[in-house]
Amino acid sequence: QVSEHNRLEKGLAVQIEIFGDVIEKMRTSA
C-alpha cells in the first residue's frame, strides 16, 4: 500500500497511530 515516495510518511503515520506522541520524541532525541 506504499510507494518509494510515501513509505516513510505512511509508516510514520501508522507508527504514531499505534504509539502516539512518543514517536516524535524518539525521532527528535535520537
Full PDB file with SEQRES, HELIX, SHEET, SSBOND, CRYST1, ORIGX, SCALE, CONECT and MASTER records, all heavy atoms in Angstrom:
SEQRES   1 A   30  GLN VAL SER GLU HIS ASN ARG LEU GLU LYS GLY LEU ALA          
SEQRES   2 A   30  VAL GLN ILE GLU ILE PHE GLY ASP VAL ILE GLU LYS MET          
SEQRES   3 A   30  ARG THR SER ALA                                              
HELIX    1 AA1 ARG A    7  PHE A   19  1                                  13    
HELIX    2 AA2 VAL A   22  SER A   29  1                                   8    
CRYST1    1.000    1.000    1.000  90.00  90.00  90.00 P 1           1          
ORIGX1      1.000000  0.000000  0.000000        0.00000                         
ORIGX2      0.000000  1.000000  0.000000        0.00000                         
ORIGX3      0.000000  0.000000  1.000000        0.00000                         
SCALE1      1.000000  0.000000  0.000000        0.00000                         
SCALE2      0.000000  1.000000  0.000000        0.00000                         
SCALE3      0.000000  0.000000  1.000000        0.00000                         
ATOM      1  N   GLN A   1       0.813  -1.213   0.000  1.00  0.00           N  
ATOM      2  CA  GLN A   1       0.000   0.000   0.000  1.00  0.00           C  
ATOM      3  C   GLN A   1       0.852   1.271   0.000  1.00  0.00           C  
ATOM      4  O   GLN A   1       0.336   2.365   0.231  1.00  0.00           O  
ATOM      5  CB  GLN A   1      -0.913   0.015   1.236  1.00  0.00           C  
ATOM      6  CG  GLN A   1      -1.895  -1.146   1.303  1.00  0.00           C  
ATOM      7  CD  GLN A   1      -2.893  -1.122   0.166  1.00  0.00           C  
ATOM      8  OE1 GLN A   1      -3.535  -0.103  -0.075  1.00  0.00           O  
ATOM      9  NE2 GLN A   1      -3.012  -2.237  -0.555  1.00  0.00           N  
ATOM     10  N   VAL A   2       2.168   1.123  -0.243  1.00  0.00           N  
ATOM     11  CA  VAL A   2       3.044   2.294  -0.239  1.00  0.00           C  
ATOM     12  C   VAL A   2       3.875   2.313  -1.513  1.00  0.00           C  
ATOM     13  O   VAL A   2       4.003   1.310  -2.223  1.00  0.00           O  
ATOM     14  CB  VAL A   2       3.983   2.313   0.980  1.00  0.00           C  
ATOM     15  CG1 VAL A   2       3.189   2.375   2.275  1.00  0.00           C  
ATOM     16  CG2 VAL A   2       4.926   1.108   0.969  1.00  0.00           C  
ATOM     17  N   SER A   3       4.455   3.463  -1.783  1.00  0.00           N  
ATOM     18  CA  SER A   3       5.383   3.630  -2.900  1.00  0.00           C  
ATOM     19  C   SER A   3       6.724   4.073  -2.339  1.00  0.00           C  
ATOM     20  O   SER A   3       6.864   4.372  -1.148  1.00  0.00           O  
ATOM     21  CB  SER A   3       4.848   4.681  -3.866  1.00  0.00           C  
ATOM     22  OG  SER A   3       4.900   5.969  -3.262  1.00  0.00           O  
ATOM     23  N   GLU A   4       7.717   4.155  -3.219  1.00  0.00           N  
ATOM     24  CA  GLU A   4       9.025   4.651  -2.798  1.00  0.00           C  
ATOM     25  C   GLU A   4       8.931   6.074  -2.259  1.00  0.00           C  
ATOM     26  O   GLU A   4       9.727   6.478  -1.412  1.00  0.00           O  
ATOM     27  CB  GLU A   4      10.000   4.620  -3.979  1.00  0.00           C  
ATOM     28  CG  GLU A   4      10.526   3.241  -4.302  1.00  0.00           C  
ATOM     29  CD  GLU A   4      11.335   2.657  -3.156  1.00  0.00           C  
ATOM     30  OE1 GLU A   4      12.358   3.255  -2.777  1.00  0.00           O  
ATOM     31  OE2 GLU A   4      10.923   1.605  -2.620  1.00  0.00           O  
ATOM     32  N   HIS A   5       7.937   6.814  -2.716  1.00  0.00           N  
ATOM     33  CA  HIS A   5       7.833   8.226  -2.348  1.00  0.00           C  
ATOM     34  C   HIS A   5       7.090   8.460  -1.033  1.00  0.00           C  
ATOM     35  O   HIS A   5       7.274   9.514  -0.405  1.00  0.00           O  
ATOM     36  CB  HIS A   5       7.150   9.009  -3.472  1.00  0.00           C  
ATOM     37  CG  HIS A   5       7.855   8.906  -4.784  1.00  0.00           C  
ATOM     38  ND1 HIS A   5       9.092   9.460  -5.010  1.00  0.00           N  
ATOM     39  CD2 HIS A   5       7.510   8.280  -5.946  1.00  0.00           C  
ATOM     40  CE1 HIS A   5       9.483   9.193  -6.242  1.00  0.00           C  
ATOM     41  NE2 HIS A   5       8.536   8.480  -6.835  1.00  0.00           N  
ATOM     42  N   ASN A   6       6.244   7.509  -0.608  1.00  0.00           N  
ATOM     43  CA  ASN A   6       5.435   7.779   0.582  1.00  0.00           C  
ATOM     44  C   ASN A   6       5.587   6.748   1.695  1.00  0.00           C  
ATOM     45  O   ASN A   6       4.863   6.803   2.686  1.00  0.00           O  
ATOM     46  CB  ASN A   6       3.957   7.925   0.209  1.00  0.00           C  
ATOM     47  CG  ASN A   6       3.357   6.647  -0.346  1.00  0.00           C  
ATOM     48  OD1 ASN A   6       3.891   5.559  -0.184  1.00  0.00           O  
ATOM     49  ND2 ASN A   6       2.217   6.777  -1.027  1.00  0.00           N  
ATOM     50  N   ARG A   7       6.499   5.796   1.551  1.00  0.00           N  
ATOM     51  CA  ARG A   7       6.628   4.741   2.561  1.00  0.00           C  
ATOM     52  C   ARG A   7       7.008   5.299   3.928  1.00  0.00           C  
ATOM     53  O   ARG A   7       6.510   4.823   4.961  1.00  0.00           O  
ATOM     54  CB  ARG A   7       7.610   3.652   2.118  1.00  0.00           C  
ATOM     55  CG  ARG A   7       8.974   4.143   1.751  1.00  0.00           C  
ATOM     56  CD  ARG A   7       9.805   3.067   1.035  1.00  0.00           C  
ATOM     57  NE  ARG A   7      10.278   2.043   1.941  1.00  0.00           N  
ATOM     58  CZ  ARG A   7      11.454   2.110   2.569  1.00  0.00           C  
ATOM     59  NH1 ARG A   7      12.251   3.169   2.426  1.00  0.00           N  
ATOM     60  NH2 ARG A   7      11.832   1.123   3.360  1.00  0.00           N  
ATOM     61  N   LEU A   8       7.865   6.318   3.969  1.00  0.00           N  
ATOM     62  CA  LEU A   8       8.223   6.932   5.247  1.00  0.00           C  
ATOM     63  C   LEU A   8       7.032   7.669   5.834  1.00  0.00           C  
ATOM     64  O   LEU A   8       6.703   7.500   7.018  1.00  0.00           O  
ATOM     65  CB  LEU A   8       9.408   7.876   5.074  1.00  0.00           C  
ATOM     66  CG  LEU A   8       9.786   8.699   6.314  1.00  0.00           C  
ATOM     67  CD1 LEU A   8      10.124   7.795   7.488  1.00  0.00           C  
ATOM     68  CD2 LEU A   8      10.958   9.641   5.985  1.00  0.00           C  
ATOM     69  N   GLU A   9       6.368   8.448   5.032  1.00  0.00           N  
ATOM     70  CA  GLU A   9       5.215   9.226   5.507  1.00  0.00           C  
ATOM     71  C   GLU A   9       4.114   8.310   6.036  1.00  0.00           C  
ATOM     72  O   GLU A   9       3.576   8.524   7.131  1.00  0.00           O  
ATOM     73  CB  GLU A   9       4.687  10.079   4.362  1.00  0.00           C  
ATOM     74  CG  GLU A   9       3.421  10.860   4.683  1.00  0.00           C  
ATOM     75  CD  GLU A   9       2.815  11.506   3.446  1.00  0.00           C  
ATOM     76  OE1 GLU A   9       3.471  11.527   2.389  1.00  0.00           O  
ATOM     77  OE2 GLU A   9       1.665  11.977   3.556  1.00  0.00           O  
ATOM     78  N   LYS A  10       3.771   7.275   5.261  1.00  0.00           N  
ATOM     79  CA  LYS A  10       2.697   6.372   5.685  1.00  0.00           C  
ATOM     80  C   LYS A  10       3.117   5.510   6.868  1.00  0.00           C  
ATOM     81  O   LYS A  10       2.310   5.231   7.763  1.00  0.00           O  
ATOM     82  CB  LYS A  10       2.257   5.506   4.512  1.00  0.00           C  
ATOM     83  CG  LYS A  10       1.478   6.266   3.449  1.00  0.00           C  
ATOM     84  CD  LYS A  10       0.755   5.315   2.510  1.00  0.00           C  
ATOM     85  CE  LYS A  10      -0.177   6.082   1.568  1.00  0.00           C  
ATOM     86  NZ  LYS A  10      -0.970   5.166   0.722  1.00  0.00           N  
ATOM     87  N   GLY A  11       4.379   5.091   6.878  1.00  0.00           N  
ATOM     88  CA  GLY A  11       4.864   4.303   8.003  1.00  0.00           C  
ATOM     89  C   GLY A  11       4.859   5.101   9.289  1.00  0.00           C  
ATOM     90  O   GLY A  11       4.450   4.607  10.345  1.00  0.00           O  
ATOM     91  N   LEU A  12       5.286   6.341   9.220  1.00  0.00           N  
ATOM     92  CA  LEU A  12       5.293   7.205  10.395  1.00  0.00           C  
ATOM     93  C   LEU A  12       3.875   7.439  10.899  1.00  0.00           C  
ATOM     94  O   LEU A  12       3.629   7.455  12.119  1.00  0.00           O  
ATOM     95  CB  LEU A  12       5.973   8.526  10.058  1.00  0.00           C  
ATOM     96  CG  LEU A  12       6.154   9.531  11.191  1.00  0.00           C  
ATOM     97  CD1 LEU A  12       6.939   8.913  12.339  1.00  0.00           C  
ATOM     98  CD2 LEU A  12       6.858  10.791  10.671  1.00  0.00           C  
ATOM     99  N   ALA A  13       2.928   7.582   9.992  1.00  0.00           N  
ATOM    100  CA  ALA A  13       1.533   7.781  10.404  1.00  0.00           C  
ATOM    101  C   ALA A  13       1.006   6.573  11.168  1.00  0.00           C  
ATOM    102  O   ALA A  13       0.318   6.722  12.197  1.00  0.00           O  
ATOM    103  CB  ALA A  13       0.665   8.055   9.175  1.00  0.00           C  
ATOM    104  N   VAL A  14       1.315   5.374  10.698  1.00  0.00           N  
ATOM    105  CA  VAL A  14       0.879   4.166  11.399  1.00  0.00           C  
ATOM    106  C   VAL A  14       1.591   4.042  12.740  1.00  0.00           C  
ATOM    107  O   VAL A  14       0.987   3.694  13.763  1.00  0.00           O  
ATOM    108  CB  VAL A  14       1.141   2.913  10.539  1.00  0.00           C  
ATOM    109  CG1 VAL A  14       0.874   1.643  11.344  1.00  0.00           C  
ATOM    110  CG2 VAL A  14       0.279   2.932   9.295  1.00  0.00           C  
ATOM    111  N   GLN A  15       2.871   4.339  12.749  1.00  0.00           N  
ATOM    112  CA  GLN A  15       3.656   4.276  13.978  1.00  0.00           C  
ATOM    113  C   GLN A  15       3.068   5.194  15.049  1.00  0.00           C  
ATOM    114  O   GLN A  15       2.928   4.806  16.223  1.00  0.00           O  
ATOM    115  CB  GLN A  15       5.094   4.672  13.656  1.00  0.00           C  
ATOM    116  CG  GLN A  15       6.126   4.244  14.666  1.00  0.00           C  
ATOM    117  CD  GLN A  15       7.525   4.650  14.224  1.00  0.00           C  
ATOM    118  OE1 GLN A  15       7.703   5.365  13.225  1.00  0.00           O  
ATOM    119  NE2 GLN A  15       8.524   4.208  14.964  1.00  0.00           N  
ATOM    120  N   ILE A  16       2.697   6.398  14.652  1.00  0.00           N  
ATOM    121  CA  ILE A  16       2.101   7.351  15.595  1.00  0.00           C  
ATOM    122  C   ILE A  16       0.715   6.877  16.020  1.00  0.00           C  
ATOM    123  O   ILE A  16       0.320   7.026  17.194  1.00  0.00           O  
ATOM    124  CB  ILE A  16       2.055   8.762  14.972  1.00  0.00           C  
ATOM    125  CG1 ILE A  16       3.482   9.308  14.820  1.00  0.00           C  
ATOM    126  CG2 ILE A  16       1.206   9.707  15.813  1.00  0.00           C  
ATOM    127  CD1 ILE A  16       3.571  10.594  14.034  1.00  0.00           C  
ATOM    128  N   GLU A  17      -0.037   6.285  15.109  1.00  0.00           N  
ATOM    129  CA  GLU A  17      -1.352   5.747  15.456  1.00  0.00           C  
ATOM    130  C   GLU A  17      -1.233   4.683  16.548  1.00  0.00           C  
ATOM    131  O   GLU A  17      -2.070   4.606  17.453  1.00  0.00           O  
ATOM    132  CB  GLU A  17      -2.020   5.147  14.216  1.00  0.00           C  
ATOM    133  CG  GLU A  17      -3.410   4.577  14.478  1.00  0.00           C  
ATOM    134  CD  GLU A  17      -4.054   4.013  13.231  1.00  0.00           C  
ATOM    135  OE1 GLU A  17      -3.493   4.153  12.133  1.00  0.00           O  
ATOM    136  OE2 GLU A  17      -5.146   3.409  13.365  1.00  0.00           O  
ATOM    137  N   ILE A  18      -0.187   3.872  16.473  1.00  0.00           N  
ATOM    138  CA  ILE A  18      -0.012   2.789  17.448  1.00  0.00           C  
ATOM    139  C   ILE A  18       0.564   3.308  18.760  1.00  0.00           C  
ATOM    140  O   ILE A  18       0.087   2.960  19.839  1.00  0.00           O  
ATOM    141  CB  ILE A  18       0.905   1.692  16.871  1.00  0.00           C  
ATOM    142  CG1 ILE A  18       0.275   1.057  15.633  1.00  0.00           C  
ATOM    143  CG2 ILE A  18       1.182   0.610  17.920  1.00  0.00           C  
ATOM    144  CD1 ILE A  18       1.202   0.124  14.880  1.00  0.00           C  
ATOM    145  N   PHE A  19       1.588   4.173  18.680  1.00  0.00           N  
ATOM    146  CA  PHE A  19       2.351   4.520  19.883  1.00  0.00           C  
ATOM    147  C   PHE A  19       2.171   5.951  20.363  1.00  0.00           C  
ATOM    148  O   PHE A  19       2.600   6.289  21.465  1.00  0.00           O  
ATOM    149  CB  PHE A  19       3.846   4.246  19.640  1.00  0.00           C  
ATOM    150  CG  PHE A  19       4.149   2.810  19.342  1.00  0.00           C  
ATOM    151  CD1 PHE A  19       4.521   2.429  18.070  1.00  0.00           C  
ATOM    152  CD2 PHE A  19       4.042   1.835  20.326  1.00  0.00           C  
ATOM    153  CE1 PHE A  19       4.798   1.108  17.772  1.00  0.00           C  
ATOM    154  CE2 PHE A  19       4.317   0.519  20.047  1.00  0.00           C  
ATOM    155  CZ  PHE A  19       4.687   0.141  18.766  1.00  0.00           C  
ATOM    156  N   GLY A  20       1.584   6.815  19.544  1.00  0.00           N  
ATOM    157  CA  GLY A  20       1.306   8.169  19.994  1.00  0.00           C  
ATOM    158  C   GLY A  20       2.493   9.117  19.868  1.00  0.00           C  
ATOM    159  O   GLY A  20       3.436   8.895  19.098  1.00  0.00           O  
ATOM    160  N   ASP A  21       2.451  10.175  20.675  1.00  0.00           N  
ATOM    161  CA  ASP A  21       3.413  11.273  20.571  1.00  0.00           C  
ATOM    162  C   ASP A  21       4.847  10.864  20.903  1.00  0.00           C  
ATOM    163  O   ASP A  21       5.791  11.579  20.556  1.00  0.00           O  
ATOM    164  CB  ASP A  21       3.007  12.420  21.507  1.00  0.00           C  
ATOM    165  CG  ASP A  21       1.690  13.060  21.081  1.00  0.00           C  
ATOM    166  OD1 ASP A  21       1.320  12.887  19.897  1.00  0.00           O  
ATOM    167  OD2 ASP A  21       1.060  13.727  21.916  1.00  0.00           O  
ATOM    168  N   VAL A  22       5.024   9.729  21.568  1.00  0.00           N  
ATOM    169  CA  VAL A  22       6.373   9.290  21.942  1.00  0.00           C  
ATOM    170  C   VAL A  22       7.253   9.098  20.710  1.00  0.00           C  
ATOM    171  O   VAL A  22       8.481   9.231  20.787  1.00  0.00           O  
ATOM    172  CB  VAL A  22       6.303   7.991  22.780  1.00  0.00           C  
ATOM    173  CG1 VAL A  22       5.794   6.819  21.934  1.00  0.00           C  
ATOM    174  CG2 VAL A  22       7.654   7.657  23.380  1.00  0.00           C  
ATOM    175  N   ILE A  23       6.653   8.813  19.570  1.00  0.00           N  
ATOM    176  CA  ILE A  23       7.434   8.570  18.349  1.00  0.00           C  
ATOM    177  C   ILE A  23       8.178   9.833  17.921  1.00  0.00           C  
ATOM    178  O   ILE A  23       9.369   9.794  17.599  1.00  0.00           O  
ATOM    179  CB  ILE A  23       6.526   8.061  17.211  1.00  0.00           C  
ATOM    180  CG1 ILE A  23       5.877   6.735  17.609  1.00  0.00           C  
ATOM    181  CG2 ILE A  23       7.315   7.925  15.917  1.00  0.00           C  
ATOM    182  CD1 ILE A  23       6.858   5.653  17.991  1.00  0.00           C  
ATOM    183  N   GLU A  24       7.491  10.964  17.912  1.00  0.00           N  
ATOM    184  CA  GLU A  24       8.159  12.217  17.551  1.00  0.00           C  
ATOM    185  C   GLU A  24       9.282  12.539  18.532  1.00  0.00           C  
ATOM    186  O   GLU A  24      10.347  13.036  18.135  1.00  0.00           O  
ATOM    187  CB  GLU A  24       7.150  13.363  17.496  1.00  0.00           C  
ATOM    188  CG  GLU A  24       6.191  13.293  16.317  1.00  0.00           C  
ATOM    189  CD  GLU A  24       6.880  13.507  14.973  1.00  0.00           C  
ATOM    190  OE1 GLU A  24       8.106  13.789  14.947  1.00  0.00           O  
ATOM    191  OE2 GLU A  24       6.197  13.382  13.940  1.00  0.00           O  
ATOM    192  N   LYS A  25       9.073  12.241  19.809  1.00  0.00           N  
ATOM    193  CA  LYS A  25      10.111  12.495  20.810  1.00  0.00           C  
ATOM    194  C   LYS A  25      11.325  11.601  20.557  1.00  0.00           C  
ATOM    195  O   LYS A  25      12.476  12.043  20.685  1.00  0.00           O  
ATOM    196  CB  LYS A  25       9.553  12.258  22.204  1.00  0.00           C  
ATOM    197  CG  LYS A  25       8.477  13.258  22.613  1.00  0.00           C  
ATOM    198  CD  LYS A  25       7.878  12.922  23.972  1.00  0.00           C  
ATOM    199  CE  LYS A  25       6.757  13.888  24.335  1.00  0.00           C  
ATOM    200  NZ  LYS A  25       6.103  13.517  25.615  1.00  0.00           N  
ATOM    201  N   MET A  26      11.077  10.340  20.200  1.00  0.00           N  
ATOM    202  CA  MET A  26      12.174   9.427  19.893  1.00  0.00           C  
ATOM    203  C   MET A  26      12.974   9.916  18.691  1.00  0.00           C  
ATOM    204  O   MET A  26      14.206   9.898  18.699  1.00  0.00           O  
ATOM    205  CB  MET A  26      11.620   8.023  19.600  1.00  0.00           C  
ATOM    206  CG  MET A  26      11.169   7.247  20.804  1.00  0.00           C  
ATOM    207  SD  MET A  26      10.346   5.696  20.331  1.00  0.00           S  
ATOM    208  CE  MET A  26      11.506   4.986  19.178  1.00  0.00           C  
ATOM    209  N   ARG A  27      12.254  10.358  17.672  1.00  0.00           N  
ATOM    210  CA  ARG A  27      12.929  10.815  16.456  1.00  0.00           C  
ATOM    211  C   ARG A  27      13.736  12.087  16.718  1.00  0.00           C  
ATOM    212  O   ARG A  27      14.851  12.230  16.230  1.00  0.00           O  
ATOM    213  CB  ARG A  27      11.897  11.044  15.354  1.00  0.00           C  
ATOM    214  CG  ARG A  27      11.278   9.756  14.823  1.00  0.00           C  
ATOM    215  CD  ARG A  27      10.071  10.041  13.930  1.00  0.00           C  
ATOM    216  NE  ARG A  27      10.404  10.839  12.768  1.00  0.00           N  
ATOM    217  CZ  ARG A  27      10.922  10.357  11.630  1.00  0.00           C  
ATOM    218  NH1 ARG A  27      11.154   9.064  11.507  1.00  0.00           N  
ATOM    219  NH2 ARG A  27      11.182  11.153  10.609  1.00  0.00           N  
ATOM    220  N   THR A  28      13.178  12.968  17.512  1.00  0.00           N  
ATOM    221  CA  THR A  28      13.850  14.237  17.796  1.00  0.00           C  
ATOM    222  C   THR A  28      15.077  14.034  18.675  1.00  0.00           C  
ATOM    223  O   THR A  28      16.114  14.680  18.485  1.00  0.00           O  
ATOM    224  CB  THR A  28      12.881  15.214  18.477  1.00  0.00           C  
ATOM    225  OG1 THR A  28      11.756  15.427  17.625  1.00  0.00           O  
ATOM    226  CG2 THR A  28      13.559  16.545  18.775  1.00  0.00           C  
ATOM    227  N   SER A  29      14.968  13.131  19.646  1.00  0.00           N  
ATOM    228  CA  SER A  29      16.045  12.946  20.618  1.00  0.00           C  
ATOM    229  C   SER A  29      17.141  11.995  20.157  1.00  0.00           C  
ATOM    230  O   SER A  29      18.180  11.887  20.824  1.00  0.00           O  
ATOM    231  CB  SER A  29      15.461  12.430  21.942  1.00  0.00           C  
ATOM    232  OG  SER A  29      14.864  11.146  21.752  1.00  0.00           O  
ATOM    233  N   ALA A  30      16.956  11.321  19.036  1.00  0.00           N  
ATOM    234  CA  ALA A  30      17.976  10.376  18.557  1.00  0.00           C  
ATOM    235  C   ALA A  30      19.260  11.123  18.207  1.00  0.00           C  
ATOM    236  O   ALA A  30      19.216  12.170  17.546  1.00  0.00           O  
ATOM    237  CB  ALA A  30      17.458   9.620  17.341  1.00  0.00           C  
TER     238      ALA A  30                                                      
MASTER        0    0    0    2    0    0    0    6  237    1    0    3          
END                                                                             
